[in-house]
Amino acid sequence: MAILKIARMGHPVLLRVADPVADPTDPEIRRLVQDMAETMVDAGGIGLAAPQVHVPLRLFVWRQGEEVAALINPEIELLGPPEEGGWEGCLSIPGLRGHVGRARRIAFRGLDLDGDAVEGEAEGMLARVMQHEYDHLNGVLYPSRMADLSLFGFTEELARAAALQPPAAQETPR
């Protein structure tokens, strides 16, 4: 396994729609997923899409407790209101965070590493992570989802500002 280089905001691989994975059972895909998982854990992330490691393919990984899961050629369906605001960061935009509205619940489907169909529903933080990573597969970075750019800034500054607010005015960052 290997730690992969993470593409940063501005790199063209992050701005294009990723290509479908032709054969999820290809040993190269399994190796890519293992390397992505190791890279994500090493970088302290909770999700990572293939375009973020310079590979324009439709797959992403995320942490599920101590385990890492992968979804290949995913499709996501938003399951109605309400949209929920929450703080997001991104390994491709290091040191910054922003407040982004996302669907609280989603349905997802795709393939696993054996090429078997996977489907289910997710809510809360897992739904947010999956939507964030799915956006990467479509060339979308979270700042473009933000409704209020005054809620976008350096992690340290946002934490400092939150510490100065009375506890009732603080929102728990995700």
C-alpha atoms as a PDB file:
ATOM      1  CA  MET A   1       0.000   0.000   0.000  1.00  0.00           C
ATOM      2  CA  ALA A   2       1.025   3.599  -0.518  1.00  0.00           C
ATOM      3  CA  ILE A   3       0.187   7.109   0.581  1.00  0.00           C
ATOM      4  CA  LEU A   4      -1.039   8.960  -2.507  1.00  0.00           C
ATOM      5  CA  LYS A   5      -0.597  12.643  -3.322  1.00  0.00           C
ATOM      6  CA  ILE A   6      -3.787  14.619  -2.758  1.00  0.00           C
ATOM      7  CA  ALA A   7      -4.867  17.055  -5.484  1.00  0.00           C
ATOM      8  CA  ARG A   8      -5.575  20.540  -4.180  1.00  0.00           C
ATOM      9  CA  MET A   9      -8.230  23.023  -5.215  1.00  0.00           C
ATOM     10  CA  GLY A  10      -7.355  24.443  -8.620  1.00  0.00           C
ATOM     11  CA  HIS A  11      -6.072  21.192 -10.095  1.00  0.00           C
ATOM     12  CA  PRO A  12      -8.029  20.257 -13.270  1.00  0.00           C
ATOM     13  CA  VAL A  13      -8.720  16.678 -12.077  1.00  0.00           C
ATOM     14  CA  LEU A  14     -11.005  18.150  -9.392  1.00  0.00           C
ATOM     15  CA  LEU A  15     -13.023  20.152 -11.908  1.00  0.00           C
ATOM     16  CA  ARG A  16     -14.112  17.382 -14.303  1.00  0.00           C
ATOM     17  CA  VAL A  17     -16.734  14.672 -14.200  1.00  0.00           C
ATOM     18  CA  ALA A  18     -15.026  11.383 -13.357  1.00  0.00           C
ATOM     19  CA  ASP A  19     -15.274   8.351 -15.638  1.00  0.00           C
ATOM     20  CA  PRO A  20     -17.159   5.184 -14.642  1.00  0.00           C
ATOM     21  CA  VAL A  21     -15.110   2.262 -13.369  1.00  0.00           C
ATOM     22  CA  ALA A  22     -15.261  -0.367 -16.132  1.00  0.00           C
ATOM     23  CA  ASP A  23     -14.416  -3.398 -13.956  1.00  0.00           C
ATOM     24  CA  PRO A  24     -14.756  -3.043 -10.173  1.00  0.00           C
ATOM     25  CA  THR A  25     -13.053  -6.427  -9.730  1.00  0.00           C
ATOM     26  CA  ASP A  26      -9.849  -5.323 -11.489  1.00  0.00           C
ATOM     27  CA  PRO A  27      -6.911  -5.800  -9.076  1.00  0.00           C
ATOM     28  CA  GLU A  28      -5.802  -2.228  -9.890  1.00  0.00           C
ATOM     29  CA  ILE A  29      -9.104  -0.916  -8.497  1.00  0.00           C
ATOM     30  CA  ARG A  30      -8.675  -2.970  -5.316  1.00  0.00           C
ATOM     31  CA  ARG A  31      -5.133  -1.578  -4.930  1.00  0.00           C
ATOM     32  CA  LEU A  32      -6.395   1.968  -5.566  1.00  0.00           C
ATOM     33  CA  VAL A  33      -9.076   1.573  -2.880  1.00  0.00           C
ATOM     34  CA  GLN A  34      -6.511   0.252  -0.383  1.00  0.00           C
ATOM     35  CA  ASP A  35      -4.150   3.134  -1.154  1.00  0.00           C
ATOM     36  CA  MET A  36      -7.000   5.649  -0.908  1.00  0.00           C
ATOM     37  CA  ALA A  37      -8.026   4.225   2.474  1.00  0.00           C
ATOM     38  CA  GLU A  38      -4.462   4.467   3.770  1.00  0.00           C
ATOM     39  CA  THR A  39      -4.122   8.000   2.392  1.00  0.00           C
ATOM     40  CA  MET A  40      -7.418   9.121   3.943  1.00  0.00           C
ATOM     41  CA  VAL A  41      -6.521   7.737   7.376  1.00  0.00           C
ATOM     42  CA  ASP A  42      -3.003   9.184   7.196  1.00  0.00           C
ATOM     43  CA  ALA A  43      -4.395  12.640   6.307  1.00  0.00           C
ATOM     44  CA  GLY A  44      -7.026  12.496   9.074  1.00  0.00           C
ATOM     45  CA  GLY A  45      -9.954  12.512   6.647  1.00  0.00           C
ATOM     46  CA  ILE A  46     -13.314  10.770   6.889  1.00  0.00           C
ATOM     47  CA  GLY A  47     -13.885  10.448   3.138  1.00  0.00           C
ATOM     48  CA  LEU A  48     -11.849  10.531  -0.064  1.00  0.00           C
ATOM     49  CA  ALA A  49     -12.838  10.412  -3.733  1.00  0.00           C
ATOM     50  CA  ALA A  50     -10.593   9.011  -6.481  1.00  0.00           C
ATOM     51  CA  PRO A  51     -10.252  12.397  -8.264  1.00  0.00           C
ATOM     52  CA  GLN A  52      -8.688  13.745  -5.065  1.00  0.00           C
ATOM     53  CA  VAL A  53      -5.754  11.379  -5.631  1.00  0.00           C
ATOM     54  CA  HIS A  54      -5.444  12.323  -9.313  1.00  0.00           C
ATOM     55  CA  VAL A  55      -7.493   9.354 -10.571  1.00  0.00           C
ATOM     56  CA  PRO A  56     -10.590  10.509 -12.525  1.00  0.00           C
ATOM     57  CA  LEU A  57     -12.751   7.461 -11.705  1.00  0.00           C
ATOM     58  CA  ARG A  58     -16.172   7.247 -10.055  1.00  0.00           C
ATOM     59  CA  LEU A  59     -15.380   5.769  -6.669  1.00  0.00           C
ATOM     60  CA  PHE A  60     -14.946   6.970  -3.130  1.00  0.00           C
ATOM     61  CA  VAL A  61     -14.082   5.635   0.301  1.00  0.00           C
ATOM     62  CA  TRP A  62     -15.209   6.666   3.778  1.00  0.00           C
ATOM     63  CA  ARG A  63     -14.681   5.677   7.382  1.00  0.00           C
ATOM     64  CA  GLN A  64     -17.317   3.547   9.054  1.00  0.00           C
ATOM     65  CA  GLY A  65     -16.079   3.371  12.631  1.00  0.00           C
ATOM     66  CA  GLU A  66     -12.729   1.591  12.453  1.00  0.00           C
ATOM     67  CA  GLU A  67     -13.473   0.158   9.004  1.00  0.00           C
ATOM     68  CA  VAL A  68     -13.162   1.811   5.601  1.00  0.00           C
ATOM     69  CA  ALA A  69     -15.917   1.257   3.041  1.00  0.00           C
ATOM     70  CA  ALA A  70     -15.858   1.882  -0.713  1.00  0.00           C
ATOM     71  CA  LEU A  71     -18.579   2.620  -3.253  1.00  0.00           C
ATOM     72  CA  ILE A  72     -17.911   2.259  -6.977  1.00  0.00           C
ATOM     73  CA  ASN A  73     -19.954   4.000  -9.694  1.00  0.00           C
ATOM     74  CA  PRO A  74     -22.249   5.470  -7.039  1.00  0.00           C
ATOM     75  CA  GLU A  75     -25.613   7.096  -7.517  1.00  0.00           C
ATOM     76  CA  ILE A  76     -27.145   9.230  -4.786  1.00  0.00           C
ATOM     77  CA  GLU A  77     -30.738  10.343  -4.370  1.00  0.00           C
ATOM     78  CA  LEU A  78     -31.634  13.094  -1.900  1.00  0.00           C
ATOM     79  CA  LEU A  79     -34.500  11.996   0.327  1.00  0.00           C
ATOM     80  CA  GLY A  80     -36.461  15.143   0.844  1.00  0.00           C
ATOM     81  CA  PRO A  81     -36.247  18.002   3.218  1.00  0.00           C
ATOM     82  CA  PRO A  82     -35.060  19.224   5.503  1.00  0.00           C
ATOM     83  CA  GLU A  83     -31.689  20.424   4.332  1.00  0.00           C
ATOM     84  CA  GLU A  84     -29.295  20.718   7.219  1.00  0.00           C
ATOM     85  CA  GLY A  85     -26.355  23.074   7.569  1.00  0.00           C
ATOM     86  CA  GLY A  86     -23.022  21.801   8.826  1.00  0.00           C
ATOM     87  CA  TRP A  87     -19.318  22.559   8.782  1.00  0.00           C
ATOM     88  CA  GLU A  88     -17.208  20.788   6.175  1.00  0.00           C
ATOM     89  CA  GLY A  89     -13.537  20.578   5.425  1.00  0.00           C
ATOM     90  CA  CYS A  90     -11.799  18.877   2.538  1.00  0.00           C
ATOM     91  CA  LEU A  91      -8.415  17.241   2.110  1.00  0.00           C
ATOM     92  CA  SER A  92      -8.165  19.070  -1.234  1.00  0.00           C
ATOM     93  CA  ILE A  93      -8.739  22.443   0.466  1.00  0.00           C
ATOM     94  CA  PRO A  94      -6.446  22.117   3.491  1.00  0.00           C
ATOM     95  CA  GLY A  95      -6.811  24.452   6.430  1.00  0.00           C
ATOM     96  CA  LEU A  96     -10.221  25.822   5.412  1.00  0.00           C
ATOM     97  CA  ARG A  97     -13.790  25.015   6.461  1.00  0.00           C
ATOM     98  CA  GLY A  98     -17.182  26.170   5.325  1.00  0.00           C
ATOM     99  CA  HIS A  99     -20.807  25.906   6.371  1.00  0.00           C
ATOM    100  CA  VAL A 100     -22.685  23.866   3.749  1.00  0.00           C
ATOM    101  CA  GLY A 101     -26.327  22.869   3.420  1.00  0.00           C
ATOM    102  CA  ARG A 102     -26.880  19.177   2.623  1.00  0.00           C
ATOM    103  CA  ALA A 103     -29.771  16.757   2.616  1.00  0.00           C
ATOM    104  CA  ARG A 104     -30.087  15.033   5.982  1.00  0.00           C
ATOM    105  CA  ARG A 105     -31.033  11.703   4.355  1.00  0.00           C
ATOM    106  CA  ILE A 106     -29.991  10.053   1.116  1.00  0.00           C
ATOM    107  CA  ALA A 107     -30.426   6.787  -0.734  1.00  0.00           C
ATOM    108  CA  PHE A 108     -27.318   5.385  -2.392  1.00  0.00           C
ATOM    109  CA  ARG A 109     -26.474   2.577  -4.764  1.00  0.00           C
ATOM    110  CA  GLY A 110     -23.367   1.389  -6.512  1.00  0.00           C
ATOM    111  CA  LEU A 111     -20.981  -1.538  -6.571  1.00  0.00           C
ATOM    112  CA  ASP A 112     -18.529  -3.047  -4.117  1.00  0.00           C
ATOM    113  CA  LEU A 113     -15.053  -4.405  -4.901  1.00  0.00           C
ATOM    114  CA  ASP A 114     -16.544  -7.768  -5.891  1.00  0.00           C
ATOM    115  CA  GLY A 115     -18.777  -6.069  -8.459  1.00  0.00           C
ATOM    116  CA  ASP A 116     -21.879  -6.792  -6.380  1.00  0.00           C
ATOM    117  CA  ALA A 117     -24.689  -4.248  -6.159  1.00  0.00           C
ATOM    118  CA  VAL A 118     -24.840  -2.268  -2.924  1.00  0.00           C
ATOM    119  CA  GLU A 119     -27.692  -0.007  -1.891  1.00  0.00           C
ATOM    120  CA  GLY A 120     -28.987   1.599   1.233  1.00  0.00           C
ATOM    121  CA  GLU A 121     -29.872   4.790   3.009  1.00  0.00           C
ATOM    122  CA  ALA A 122     -27.699   7.100   5.064  1.00  0.00           C
ATOM    123  CA  GLU A 123     -28.471  10.015   7.312  1.00  0.00           C
ATOM    124  CA  GLY A 124     -26.681  12.635   9.346  1.00  0.00           C
ATOM    125  CA  MET A 125     -22.908  12.713   9.102  1.00  0.00           C
ATOM    126  CA  LEU A 126     -22.642   9.676   6.805  1.00  0.00           C
ATOM    127  CA  ALA A 127     -25.123  11.258   4.369  1.00  0.00           C
ATOM    128  CA  ARG A 128     -23.074  14.479   4.443  1.00  0.00           C
ATOM    129  CA  VAL A 129     -19.794  12.640   3.780  1.00  0.00           C
ATOM    130  CA  MET A 130     -21.287  10.654   0.900  1.00  0.00           C
ATOM    131  CA  GLN A 131     -22.756  13.786  -0.708  1.00  0.00           C
ATOM    132  CA  HIS A 132     -19.417  15.596  -0.331  1.00  0.00           C
ATOM    133  CA  GLU A 133     -17.476  12.741  -1.965  1.00  0.00           C
ATOM    134  CA  TYR A 134     -20.118  12.270  -4.671  1.00  0.00           C
ATOM    135  CA  ASP A 135     -19.723  15.957  -5.525  1.00  0.00           C
ATOM    136  CA  HIS A 136     -16.015  15.312  -6.157  1.00  0.00           C
ATOM    137  CA  LEU A 137     -16.996  12.723  -8.787  1.00  0.00           C
ATOM    138  CA  ASN A 138     -18.939  15.458 -10.575  1.00  0.00           C
ATOM    139  CA  GLY A 139     -16.222  18.118 -10.413  1.00  0.00           C
ATOM    140  CA  VAL A 140     -17.869  20.063  -7.574  1.00  0.00           C
ATOM    141  CA  LEU A 141     -16.040  21.390  -4.504  1.00  0.00           C
ATOM    142  CA  TYR A 142     -17.949  22.307  -1.353  1.00  0.00           C
ATOM    143  CA  PRO A 143     -17.394  26.108  -1.533  1.00  0.00           C
ATOM    144  CA  SER A 144     -19.666  26.186  -4.595  1.00  0.00           C
ATOM    145  CA  ARG A 145     -22.442  24.694  -2.415  1.00  0.00           C
ATOM    146  CA  MET A 146     -22.162  27.417   0.199  1.00  0.00           C
ATOM    147  CA  ALA A 147     -25.000  29.925   0.506  1.00  0.00           C
ATOM    148  CA  ASP A 148     -23.063  32.350   2.735  1.00  0.00           C
ATOM    149  CA  LEU A 149     -19.354  32.864   2.063  1.00  0.00           C
ATOM    150  CA  SER A 150     -18.976  34.737   5.354  1.00  0.00           C
ATOM    151  CA  LEU A 151     -19.087  31.221   6.854  1.00  0.00           C
ATOM    152  CA  PHE A 152     -15.951  30.149   4.965  1.00  0.00           C
ATOM    153  CA  GLY A 153     -12.534  30.565   6.475  1.00  0.00           C
ATOM    154  CA  PHE A 154      -9.391  29.149   7.941  1.00  0.00           C
ATOM    155  CA  THR A 155     -10.077  26.462  10.527  1.00  0.00           C
ATOM    156  CA  GLU A 156      -7.955  28.238  13.180  1.00  0.00           C
ATOM    157  CA  GLU A 157      -9.751  31.560  12.706  1.00  0.00           C
ATOM    158  CA  LEU A 158     -13.196  29.961  12.779  1.00  0.00           C
ATOM    159  CA  ALA A 159     -12.290  28.137  16.004  1.00  0.00           C
ATOM    160  CA  ARG A 160     -10.947  31.357  17.538  1.00  0.00           C
ATOM    161  CA  ALA A 161     -14.117  33.249  16.577  1.00  0.00           C
ATOM    162  CA  ALA A 162     -16.325  30.458  17.965  1.00  0.00           C
ATOM    163  CA  ALA A 163     -14.422  30.564  21.264  1.00  0.00           C
ATOM    164  CA  LEU A 164     -15.294  34.273  21.612  1.00  0.00           C
ATOM    165  CA  GLN A 165     -19.048  33.669  21.169  1.00  0.00           C
ATOM    166  CA  PRO A 166     -21.360  32.807  24.059  1.00  0.00           C
ATOM    167  CA  PRO A 167     -22.041  29.028  24.178  1.00  0.00           C
ATOM    168  CA  ALA A 168     -25.679  29.389  23.036  1.00  0.00           C
ATOM    169  CA  ALA A 169     -24.536  31.086  19.805  1.00  0.00           C
ATOM    170  CA  GLN A 170     -22.043  28.375  18.897  1.00  0.00           C
ATOM    171  CA  GLU A 171     -22.931  25.627  16.468  1.00  0.00           C
ATOM    172  CA  THR A 172     -21.112  22.345  16.764  1.00  0.00           C
ATOM    173  CA  PRO A 173     -18.823  21.928  13.737  1.00  0.00           C
ATOM    174  CA  ARG A 174     -19.029  18.619  11.906  1.00  0.00           C
END
